């Protein structure tokens, strides 16, 4: 199980880097790109997320994505593809 979790974590790190490099929004403050993260739970489940919040307290990334920009959704598709390639 540890080997699987390590492989999933490696793909999670790739996906975060993909999000940083391929975000389709203008990176004015650097907050969105620096807030892309991933977690791997005890079962090897990968979760990608962006924890950026606005000054008003709402989740900034979902607001930007709702306007048609890619913050982390493209990275989720990338991770899904990579997981299928590596794990099956």
C-alpha atoms as a PDB file:
ATOM      1  CA  UNK A   1       0.000   0.000   0.000  1.00  0.00           C
ATOM      2  CA  UNK A   2       2.852   2.416   0.755  1.00  0.00           C
ATOM      3  CA  UNK A   3       4.214   1.979  -2.768  1.00  0.00           C
ATOM      4  CA  UNK A   4       0.786   2.801  -4.225  1.00  0.00           C
ATOM      5  CA  UNK A   5       0.437   5.878  -2.014  1.00  0.00           C
ATOM      6  CA  UNK A   6       3.905   7.052  -3.069  1.00  0.00           C
ATOM      7  CA  UNK A   7       2.986   6.697  -6.759  1.00  0.00           C
ATOM      8  CA  UNK A   8      -0.295   8.542  -6.235  1.00  0.00           C
ATOM      9  CA  UNK A   9       1.551  11.304  -4.338  1.00  0.00           C
ATOM     10  CA  UNK A  10       4.008  11.643  -7.208  1.00  0.00           C
ATOM     11  CA  UNK A  11       1.114  12.067  -9.641  1.00  0.00           C
ATOM     12  CA  UNK A  12      -0.507  14.555  -7.255  1.00  0.00           C
ATOM     13  CA  UNK A  13       2.664  16.642  -7.286  1.00  0.00           C
ATOM     14  CA  UNK A  14       2.726  16.477 -11.103  1.00  0.00           C
ATOM     15  CA  UNK A  15      -0.898  17.600 -11.227  1.00  0.00           C
ATOM     16  CA  UNK A  16      -0.226  20.587  -8.960  1.00  0.00           C
ATOM     17  CA  UNK A  17       2.688  21.579 -11.185  1.00  0.00           C
ATOM     18  CA  UNK A  18       0.425  21.163 -14.221  1.00  0.00           C
ATOM     19  CA  UNK A  19      -2.094  23.536 -12.606  1.00  0.00           C
ATOM     20  CA  UNK A  20       0.622  26.099 -11.878  1.00  0.00           C
ATOM     21  CA  UNK A  21       1.958  25.990 -15.436  1.00  0.00           C
ATOM     22  CA  UNK A  22      -1.380  25.795 -17.274  1.00  0.00           C
ATOM     23  CA  UNK A  23      -3.789  28.002 -15.318  1.00  0.00           C
ATOM     24  CA  UNK A  24      -5.668  30.076 -17.895  1.00  0.00           C
ATOM     25  CA  UNK A  25      -6.160  33.128 -15.673  1.00  0.00           C
ATOM     26  CA  UNK A  26      -3.962  36.175 -15.216  1.00  0.00           C
ATOM     27  CA  UNK A  27      -1.878  35.604 -12.097  1.00  0.00           C
ATOM     28  CA  UNK A  28      -2.040  39.077 -10.556  1.00  0.00           C
ATOM     29  CA  UNK A  29      -1.175  38.288  -6.931  1.00  0.00           C
ATOM     30  CA  UNK A  30       0.250  34.760  -7.136  1.00  0.00           C
ATOM     31  CA  UNK A  31      -2.352  33.568  -4.617  1.00  0.00           C
ATOM     32  CA  UNK A  32      -4.194  31.103  -6.874  1.00  0.00           C
ATOM     33  CA  UNK A  33      -1.123  29.375  -8.238  1.00  0.00           C
ATOM     34  CA  UNK A  34       0.498  29.075  -4.826  1.00  0.00           C
ATOM     35  CA  UNK A  35      -2.702  27.649  -3.308  1.00  0.00           C
ATOM     36  CA  UNK A  36      -2.938  24.511  -5.480  1.00  0.00           C
ATOM     37  CA  UNK A  37      -2.455  21.475  -3.246  1.00  0.00           C
ATOM     38  CA  UNK A  38      -2.999  17.726  -3.064  1.00  0.00           C
ATOM     39  CA  UNK A  39      -3.517  15.066  -0.416  1.00  0.00           C
ATOM     40  CA  UNK A  40      -3.335  11.276  -0.495  1.00  0.00           C
ATOM     41  CA  UNK A  41      -5.388   9.494   2.151  1.00  0.00           C
ATOM     42  CA  UNK A  42      -4.647   6.140   3.819  1.00  0.00           C
ATOM     43  CA  UNK A  43      -6.476   4.310   1.013  1.00  0.00           C
ATOM     44  CA  UNK A  44      -4.418   5.964  -1.724  1.00  0.00           C
ATOM     45  CA  UNK A  45      -7.228   8.340  -2.753  1.00  0.00           C
ATOM     46  CA  UNK A  46      -5.899  11.521  -4.384  1.00  0.00           C
ATOM     47  CA  UNK A  47      -7.583  14.857  -3.703  1.00  0.00           C
ATOM     48  CA  UNK A  48      -6.598  18.022  -5.547  1.00  0.00           C
ATOM     49  CA  UNK A  49      -7.763  21.357  -4.202  1.00  0.00           C
ATOM     50  CA  UNK A  50      -7.075  25.053  -4.103  1.00  0.00           C
ATOM     51  CA  UNK A  51      -7.389  26.663  -0.690  1.00  0.00           C
ATOM     52  CA  UNK A  52      -7.205  30.333  -1.741  1.00  0.00           C
ATOM     53  CA  UNK A  53      -9.764  32.559  -0.071  1.00  0.00           C
ATOM     54  CA  UNK A  54     -10.680  36.128  -0.883  1.00  0.00           C
ATOM     55  CA  UNK A  55     -10.630  38.931   1.631  1.00  0.00           C
ATOM     56  CA  UNK A  56     -14.394  38.387   1.942  1.00  0.00           C
ATOM     57  CA  UNK A  57     -13.804  34.743   2.920  1.00  0.00           C
ATOM     58  CA  UNK A  58     -15.163  32.920  -0.136  1.00  0.00           C
ATOM     59  CA  UNK A  59     -13.217  30.278  -2.031  1.00  0.00           C
ATOM     60  CA  UNK A  60     -11.564  32.328  -4.707  1.00  0.00           C
ATOM     61  CA  UNK A  61     -10.607  29.476  -7.070  1.00  0.00           C
ATOM     62  CA  UNK A  62     -14.176  28.261  -7.571  1.00  0.00           C
ATOM     63  CA  UNK A  63     -15.246  31.818  -8.365  1.00  0.00           C
ATOM     64  CA  UNK A  64     -12.503  32.133 -10.994  1.00  0.00           C
ATOM     65  CA  UNK A  65     -13.360  28.703 -12.457  1.00  0.00           C
ATOM     66  CA  UNK A  66     -17.058  29.660 -12.646  1.00  0.00           C
ATOM     67  CA  UNK A  67     -16.010  32.453 -15.006  1.00  0.00           C
ATOM     68  CA  UNK A  68     -14.525  29.913 -17.420  1.00  0.00           C
ATOM     69  CA  UNK A  69     -10.884  29.956 -16.329  1.00  0.00           C
ATOM     70  CA  UNK A  70      -8.915  26.834 -15.452  1.00  0.00           C
ATOM     71  CA  UNK A  71      -7.457  26.993 -11.959  1.00  0.00           C
ATOM     72  CA  UNK A  72      -7.300  23.320 -10.969  1.00  0.00           C
ATOM     73  CA  UNK A  73      -9.948  21.434 -12.969  1.00  0.00           C
ATOM     74  CA  UNK A  74      -7.522  20.800 -15.847  1.00  0.00           C
ATOM     75  CA  UNK A  75      -5.053  19.370 -13.333  1.00  0.00           C
ATOM     76  CA  UNK A  76      -7.738  16.962 -12.103  1.00  0.00           C
ATOM     77  CA  UNK A  77      -8.203  15.657 -15.639  1.00  0.00           C
ATOM     78  CA  UNK A  78      -4.435  15.419 -16.019  1.00  0.00           C
ATOM     79  CA  UNK A  79      -4.161  13.439 -12.761  1.00  0.00           C
ATOM     80  CA  UNK A  80      -6.958  11.095 -13.824  1.00  0.00           C
ATOM     81  CA  UNK A  81      -5.142  10.378 -17.099  1.00  0.00           C
ATOM     82  CA  UNK A  82      -1.804   9.800 -15.334  1.00  0.00           C
ATOM     83  CA  UNK A  83      -3.374   7.504 -12.719  1.00  0.00           C
ATOM     84  CA  UNK A  84      -4.901   5.383 -15.469  1.00  0.00           C
ATOM     85  CA  UNK A  85      -1.542   5.193 -17.245  1.00  0.00           C
ATOM     86  CA  UNK A  86       0.448   4.260 -14.158  1.00  0.00           C
ATOM     87  CA  UNK A  87      -1.996   2.266 -12.042  1.00  0.00           C
ATOM     88  CA  UNK A  88      -4.644   1.110 -14.465  1.00  0.00           C
END
